Amino acid sequence: MNKKLKAQLLKRSKAARLEQFGKGISFLALMIITLAVFAIIIFVASKGLSTFFSNHVNIVDFLTGKVWNPSVTDANGKPEAGALPMIAGSFIVTILSALLATPFAIGTAIFMTEISPKKGAKILQPVTELLVGIPSVVYGFIGLTVVVPTVRHLFGGSGFGILSGTFVLFVMILPTVTSMTVDALRSVPRFYREAALALGATQWQTIYKVVLRAATPGMLTAIVFGMARAFGEALAVQMVIGNAALLPSGLVSPASTLTSVLTTGIGNTVMGSMQNNALWSLALVLLTMSLIFNLVIRLIGRKGAMTK
């Protein structure tokens, strides 16, 4: 009898078996995702590094060169694979769009959370969600038919260039930065506001000196996340930036980004050729910058968690 009771007590219950099964499925999913990420990184790195190991292109010349024409060799017999115009174009468009979107995003988030939460959530929340759901190609067509002619009329030139790409990316990343900023402001404890108001602060003083400062790490995370999306955007930017592999000489001059050159050129090259390897090297630069953006986001989030 004691042995039978002991066996029953030591027998795993159905709930325990289900819990173990759930843990196994979760671990398996985690391993698959991890392996997929590492496989992507290894694949892109192996293709991108072929430019430097197989085609013997100097990595410094690749990152600082101003001429992009991998199918042509220079006087020294080296391919003219200078990625600086695309790298500069990507960074300029990304930074300008983030600078333009940040004030609008913070102002919208403050209105939705602090000034008029009910009306803000009722009116602005659906608008923000609608902007998120619009496909990139639609933004590109709007930029091509509205933004480019407007820039041409107001600032001259062809209308294609950094400025048009900035306006399009501004609208694209605005809902992302806004929604994350709203979450950051709502995460500030309520007693912060109550304490400030109890000490005699006005509503704006409470927002400016207490709420915004407490939510700074979350807001910085939102901005960097928006920059990461802008840096990796391809189709919409490709349609309005001009796709000229030249160093930008002005905001209204045609330029290019890493993504625009990749999307226009990768289908017109032969796998294993110098032109194809150079494009994979651009993809490796793009992947590296995406990983750096993610690292910055994690560092900002960790700093904010320690501060709180």
Protein backbone atom coordinates (compact mmCIF):
# COMPACT_ATOMS: atom_id res chain seq x y z
CA MET A 1 0.00 0.00 0.00
CA ASN A 2 2.81 2.38 0.84
CA LYS A 3 4.56 1.58 -2.42
CA LYS A 4 1.37 2.22 -4.39
CA LEU A 5 0.79 5.55 -2.59
CA LYS A 6 4.42 6.53 -3.13
CA ALA A 7 4.15 5.78 -6.85
CA GLN A 8 1.01 7.87 -7.12
CA LEU A 9 2.62 10.79 -5.29
CA LEU A 10 5.74 10.65 -7.46
CA LYS A 11 3.81 10.29 -10.70
CA ARG A 12 3.79 13.45 -12.78
CA SER A 13 0.39 15.03 -13.10
CA LYS A 14 -1.26 15.98 -16.36
CA ALA A 15 -0.69 19.67 -15.61
CA ALA A 16 3.03 19.04 -15.06
CA ARG A 17 3.29 17.14 -18.34
CA LEU A 18 1.50 19.95 -20.19
CA GLU A 19 3.79 22.50 -18.58
CA GLN A 20 6.85 20.55 -19.63
CA PHE A 21 5.46 20.20 -23.15
CA GLY A 22 4.84 23.95 -23.31
CA LYS A 23 8.38 24.68 -22.15
CA GLY A 24 9.74 22.32 -24.80
CA ILE A 25 7.75 23.99 -27.57
CA SER A 26 8.85 27.45 -26.40
CA PHE A 27 12.49 26.39 -26.26
CA LEU A 28 12.24 24.82 -29.73
CA ALA A 29 10.73 28.02 -31.15
CA LEU A 30 13.48 30.07 -29.50
CA MET A 31 16.17 27.83 -30.98
CA ILE A 32 14.64 28.01 -34.46
CA ILE A 33 14.51 31.82 -34.33
CA THR A 34 18.08 32.00 -33.00
CA LEU A 35 19.39 29.65 -35.69
CA ALA A 36 17.52 31.61 -38.39
CA VAL A 37 19.08 34.89 -37.22
CA PHE A 38 22.57 33.42 -37.11
CA ALA A 39 22.04 31.77 -40.51
CA ILE A 40 21.05 35.10 -42.05
CA ILE A 41 24.06 36.85 -40.52
CA ILE A 42 26.47 34.12 -41.66
CA PHE A 43 24.98 34.00 -45.16
CA VAL A 44 25.09 37.78 -45.70
CA ALA A 45 28.58 37.99 -44.18
CA SER A 46 29.93 35.20 -46.40
CA LYS A 47 28.55 36.89 -49.50
CA GLY A 48 29.53 40.41 -48.46
CA LEU A 49 33.09 39.54 -47.47
CA SER A 50 33.75 37.99 -50.89
CA THR A 51 34.36 41.50 -52.21
CA PHE A 52 37.35 41.87 -49.91
CA PHE A 53 38.72 38.31 -49.96
CA SER A 54 37.86 37.08 -53.47
CA ASN A 55 37.93 40.34 -55.44
CA HIS A 56 40.67 41.88 -53.26
CA VAL A 57 38.95 45.22 -52.72
CA ASN A 58 40.39 47.21 -49.85
CA ILE A 59 37.75 47.65 -47.15
CA VAL A 60 38.86 51.23 -46.44
CA ASP A 61 38.59 52.11 -50.13
CA PHE A 62 35.17 50.46 -50.21
CA LEU A 63 33.85 52.50 -47.26
CA THR A 64 35.46 55.80 -48.27
CA GLY A 65 35.40 55.61 -52.07
CA LYS A 66 33.23 58.15 -53.88
CA VAL A 67 32.75 56.34 -57.21
CA TRP A 68 30.30 53.46 -57.48
CA ASN A 69 30.77 51.45 -60.66
CA PRO A 70 31.90 47.94 -59.71
CA SER A 71 31.94 46.72 -63.31
CA VAL A 72 34.73 49.18 -64.19
CA THR A 73 38.32 49.12 -62.94
CA ASP A 74 40.39 52.19 -62.20
CA ALA A 75 43.95 52.98 -63.31
CA ASN A 76 45.32 50.58 -60.69
CA GLY A 77 43.15 47.73 -61.92
CA LYS A 78 40.85 47.80 -58.90
CA PRO A 79 37.05 47.89 -59.21
CA GLU A 80 35.46 51.28 -58.61
CA ALA A 81 33.38 50.12 -55.66
CA GLY A 82 33.07 53.14 -53.40
CA ALA A 83 30.09 52.89 -51.05
CA LEU A 84 30.45 56.29 -49.39
CA PRO A 85 27.70 57.99 -51.47
CA MET A 86 25.12 55.39 -50.44
CA ILE A 87 26.24 55.32 -46.81
CA ALA A 88 26.15 59.11 -46.62
CA GLY A 89 22.75 59.24 -48.32
CA SER A 90 21.28 56.68 -45.90
CA PHE A 91 22.56 58.49 -42.83
CA ILE A 92 21.51 61.95 -44.02
CA VAL A 93 17.97 60.89 -44.91
CA THR A 94 17.63 58.92 -41.67
CA ILE A 95 18.89 61.70 -39.40
CA LEU A 96 16.86 64.44 -41.11
CA SER A 97 13.64 62.42 -41.02
CA ALA A 98 14.18 61.61 -37.33
CA LEU A 99 14.84 65.27 -36.51
CA LEU A 100 11.68 66.26 -38.36
CA ALA A 101 9.48 63.53 -36.87
CA THR A 102 10.60 63.81 -33.24
CA PRO A 103 8.91 67.15 -32.34
CA PHE A 104 5.64 66.11 -34.00
CA ALA A 105 5.73 62.70 -32.29
CA ILE A 106 6.44 64.12 -28.84
CA GLY A 107 3.78 66.82 -29.22
CA THR A 108 1.18 64.31 -30.35
CA ALA A 109 2.07 61.92 -27.53
CA ILE A 110 1.83 64.70 -24.91
CA PHE A 111 -1.60 65.70 -26.20
CA MET A 112 -2.80 62.09 -26.17
CA THR A 113 -1.54 61.28 -22.66
CA GLU A 114 -1.39 64.52 -20.68
CA ILE A 115 -3.56 67.27 -22.17
CA SER A 116 -6.57 65.49 -23.61
CA PRO A 117 -6.27 61.73 -23.06
CA LYS A 118 -9.88 60.88 -23.97
CA LYS A 119 -10.11 62.97 -27.14
CA GLY A 120 -6.54 62.17 -28.08
CA ALA A 121 -7.08 58.45 -27.83
CA LYS A 122 -10.40 58.73 -29.68
CA ILE A 123 -9.11 60.85 -32.59
CA LEU A 124 -5.35 60.45 -32.90
CA GLN A 125 -5.01 56.75 -32.05
CA PRO A 126 -6.98 55.56 -35.13
CA VAL A 127 -5.07 58.01 -37.32
CA THR A 128 -1.75 56.70 -36.05
CA GLU A 129 -2.81 53.10 -36.61
CA LEU A 130 -3.97 53.98 -40.12
CA LEU A 131 -0.58 55.46 -40.99
CA VAL A 132 1.13 52.30 -39.77
CA GLY A 133 -1.01 50.10 -42.00
CA ILE A 134 -0.36 51.98 -45.26
CA PRO A 135 2.03 49.99 -47.53
CA SER A 136 5.40 51.45 -48.46
CA VAL A 137 4.55 51.54 -52.16
CA VAL A 138 1.60 53.85 -51.43
CA TYR A 139 3.91 56.25 -49.61
CA GLY A 140 6.23 56.07 -52.58
CA PHE A 141 3.47 56.89 -55.07
CA ILE A 142 2.28 59.80 -52.94
CA GLY A 143 5.84 61.06 -52.70
CA LEU A 144 6.27 60.68 -56.46
CA THR A 145 3.06 62.52 -57.35
CA VAL A 146 2.89 65.10 -54.53
CA VAL A 147 6.19 65.57 -52.71
CA VAL A 148 8.53 65.53 -55.71
CA PRO A 149 6.55 68.15 -57.74
CA THR A 150 6.19 70.33 -54.63
CA VAL A 151 9.91 70.23 -53.90
CA ARG A 152 10.63 70.95 -57.57
CA HIS A 153 8.31 73.97 -57.50
CA LEU A 154 9.55 75.41 -54.20
CA PHE A 155 13.26 74.61 -54.22
CA GLY A 156 14.10 73.97 -57.87
CA GLY A 157 15.95 71.08 -59.37
CA SER A 158 14.34 67.85 -60.48
CA GLY A 159 12.51 67.35 -57.18
CA PHE A 160 14.23 64.02 -56.61
CA GLY A 161 16.72 63.98 -53.79
CA ILE A 162 17.42 64.00 -50.06
CA LEU A 163 14.62 66.44 -49.23
CA SER A 164 11.90 64.39 -50.90
CA GLY A 165 13.17 61.22 -49.26
CA THR A 166 13.19 63.00 -45.89
CA PHE A 167 9.56 64.08 -46.20
CA VAL A 168 8.42 60.59 -47.18
CA LEU A 169 10.35 58.91 -44.37
CA PHE A 170 9.09 61.54 -41.92
CA VAL A 171 5.50 60.44 -42.53
CA MET A 172 6.46 56.76 -42.46
CA ILE A 173 8.30 56.78 -39.12
CA LEU A 174 6.00 59.30 -37.41
CA PRO A 175 3.42 56.72 -36.21
CA THR A 176 6.14 54.39 -34.93
CA VAL A 177 7.87 57.10 -32.90
CA THR A 178 4.51 58.47 -31.72
CA SER A 179 3.13 55.15 -30.47
CA MET A 180 6.35 54.26 -28.64
CA THR A 181 6.52 57.74 -27.10
CA VAL A 182 2.92 57.37 -25.91
CA ASP A 183 3.87 54.09 -24.22
CA ALA A 184 6.88 55.78 -22.59
CA LEU A 185 4.77 58.65 -21.22
CA ARG A 186 2.07 56.31 -19.94
CA SER A 187 4.68 54.22 -18.13
CA VAL A 188 5.59 57.20 -15.90
CA PRO A 189 4.01 56.53 -12.48
CA ARG A 190 0.96 58.63 -11.67
CA PHE A 191 2.33 59.74 -8.32
CA TYR A 192 5.08 61.64 -10.14
CA ARG A 193 2.44 63.94 -11.57
CA GLU A 194 0.48 64.12 -8.32
CA ALA A 195 3.58 65.04 -6.32
CA ALA A 196 4.53 67.79 -8.76
CA LEU A 197 1.03 69.26 -8.77
CA ALA A 198 0.89 69.07 -4.97
CA LEU A 199 4.08 71.14 -4.79
CA GLY A 200 2.42 73.88 -6.81
CA ALA A 201 3.69 73.11 -10.32
CA THR A 202 1.49 73.95 -13.26
CA GLN A 203 0.39 71.30 -15.72
CA TRP A 204 3.03 72.31 -18.27
CA GLN A 205 5.75 72.46 -15.61
CA THR A 206 4.75 68.96 -14.54
CA ILE A 207 4.89 67.73 -18.13
CA TYR A 208 8.16 69.46 -18.99
CA LYS A 209 10.16 69.01 -15.78
CA VAL A 210 8.80 65.70 -14.48
CA VAL A 211 7.00 63.55 -17.05
CA LEU A 212 9.28 64.15 -20.03
CA ARG A 213 12.44 63.71 -17.96
CA ALA A 214 11.18 60.48 -16.44
CA ALA A 215 10.20 59.18 -19.90
CA THR A 216 13.46 60.23 -21.61
CA PRO A 217 14.92 56.70 -21.97
CA GLY A 218 11.70 55.43 -23.55
CA MET A 219 11.53 58.43 -25.88
CA LEU A 220 15.14 57.93 -26.96
CA THR A 221 14.35 54.30 -27.65
CA ALA A 222 11.41 55.39 -29.82
CA ILE A 223 13.59 57.80 -31.79
CA VAL A 224 16.34 55.23 -32.39
CA PHE A 225 13.73 52.63 -33.35
CA GLY A 226 12.27 55.08 -35.88
CA MET A 227 15.76 55.75 -37.25
CA ALA A 228 16.32 52.01 -37.64
CA ARG A 229 13.15 51.72 -39.68
CA ALA A 230 14.07 54.75 -41.79
CA PHE A 231 17.57 53.38 -42.40
CA GLY A 232 16.19 50.11 -43.74
CA GLU A 233 13.32 51.50 -45.82
CA ALA A 234 13.75 50.68 -49.50
CA LEU A 235 10.83 51.03 -51.89
CA ALA A 236 9.38 54.40 -50.87
CA VAL A 237 12.81 56.05 -50.74
CA GLN A 238 13.85 54.49 -54.03
CA MET A 239 10.91 56.15 -55.78
CA VAL A 240 11.72 59.72 -54.68
CA ILE A 241 15.44 60.01 -54.00
CA GLY A 242 16.69 59.86 -57.60
CA ASN A 243 18.93 56.76 -57.29
CA ALA A 244 22.11 58.57 -58.35
CA ALA A 245 25.19 56.95 -56.77
CA LEU A 246 26.78 60.33 -56.06
CA LEU A 247 27.75 62.13 -52.89
CA PRO A 248 24.87 64.48 -52.03
CA SER A 249 25.79 68.03 -52.98
CA GLY A 250 22.56 69.48 -51.59
CA LEU A 251 19.16 68.57 -50.26
CA VAL A 252 17.55 68.82 -53.72
CA SER A 253 20.23 66.94 -55.65
CA PRO A 254 19.57 63.30 -56.64
CA ALA A 255 21.21 60.82 -54.31
CA SER A 256 20.92 57.18 -53.29
CA THR A 257 20.80 55.00 -50.21
CA LEU A 258 22.04 51.53 -49.44
CA THR A 259 18.56 50.08 -49.86
CA SER A 260 17.76 51.91 -53.10
CA VAL A 261 20.96 50.68 -54.79
CA LEU A 262 20.35 47.15 -53.54
CA THR A 263 16.77 46.94 -54.80
CA THR A 264 17.59 48.39 -58.20
CA GLY A 265 20.81 46.46 -58.81
CA ILE A 266 20.58 43.03 -57.19
CA GLY A 267 18.32 41.60 -59.90
CA ASN A 268 20.57 42.76 -62.73
CA THR A 269 23.79 41.04 -61.67
CA VAL A 270 25.17 37.53 -61.98
CA MET A 271 25.69 35.60 -58.75
CA GLY A 272 29.40 35.46 -57.88
CA SER A 273 30.39 38.40 -60.10
CA MET A 274 32.15 41.48 -58.79
CA GLN A 275 28.99 43.57 -59.17
CA ASN A 276 26.95 41.03 -57.22
CA ASN A 277 29.56 40.70 -54.46
CA ALA A 278 29.72 44.48 -54.10
CA LEU A 279 25.95 44.63 -53.63
CA TRP A 280 26.16 41.92 -50.98
CA SER A 281 28.80 44.04 -49.25
CA LEU A 282 26.30 46.90 -49.17
CA ALA A 283 23.79 44.47 -47.65
CA LEU A 284 26.39 43.55 -45.02
CA VAL A 285 26.87 47.23 -44.16
CA LEU A 286 23.09 47.62 -43.89
CA LEU A 287 22.82 44.55 -41.65
CA THR A 288 25.65 45.80 -39.45
CA MET A 289 23.96 49.16 -39.00
CA SER A 290 20.68 47.44 -38.11
CA LEU A 291 22.46 45.41 -35.43
CA ILE A 292 24.07 48.58 -34.09
CA PHE A 293 20.67 50.30 -33.91
CA ASN A 294 19.29 47.32 -31.97
CA LEU A 295 22.28 47.40 -29.62
CA VAL A 296 21.76 51.11 -28.97
CA ILE A 297 18.07 50.49 -28.23
CA ARG A 298 18.97 47.80 -25.69
CA LEU A 299 21.57 50.01 -24.03
CA ILE A 300 19.12 52.90 -23.73
CA GLY A 301 16.43 50.60 -22.32
CA ARG A 302 18.88 49.13 -19.80
CA LYS A 303 19.97 52.60 -18.68
CA GLY A 304 16.36 53.67 -18.26
CA ALA A 305 15.59 50.55 -16.22
CA MET A 306 18.54 51.22 -13.91
CA THR A 307 17.53 54.86 -13.50
CA LYS A 308 14.04 53.90 -12.42
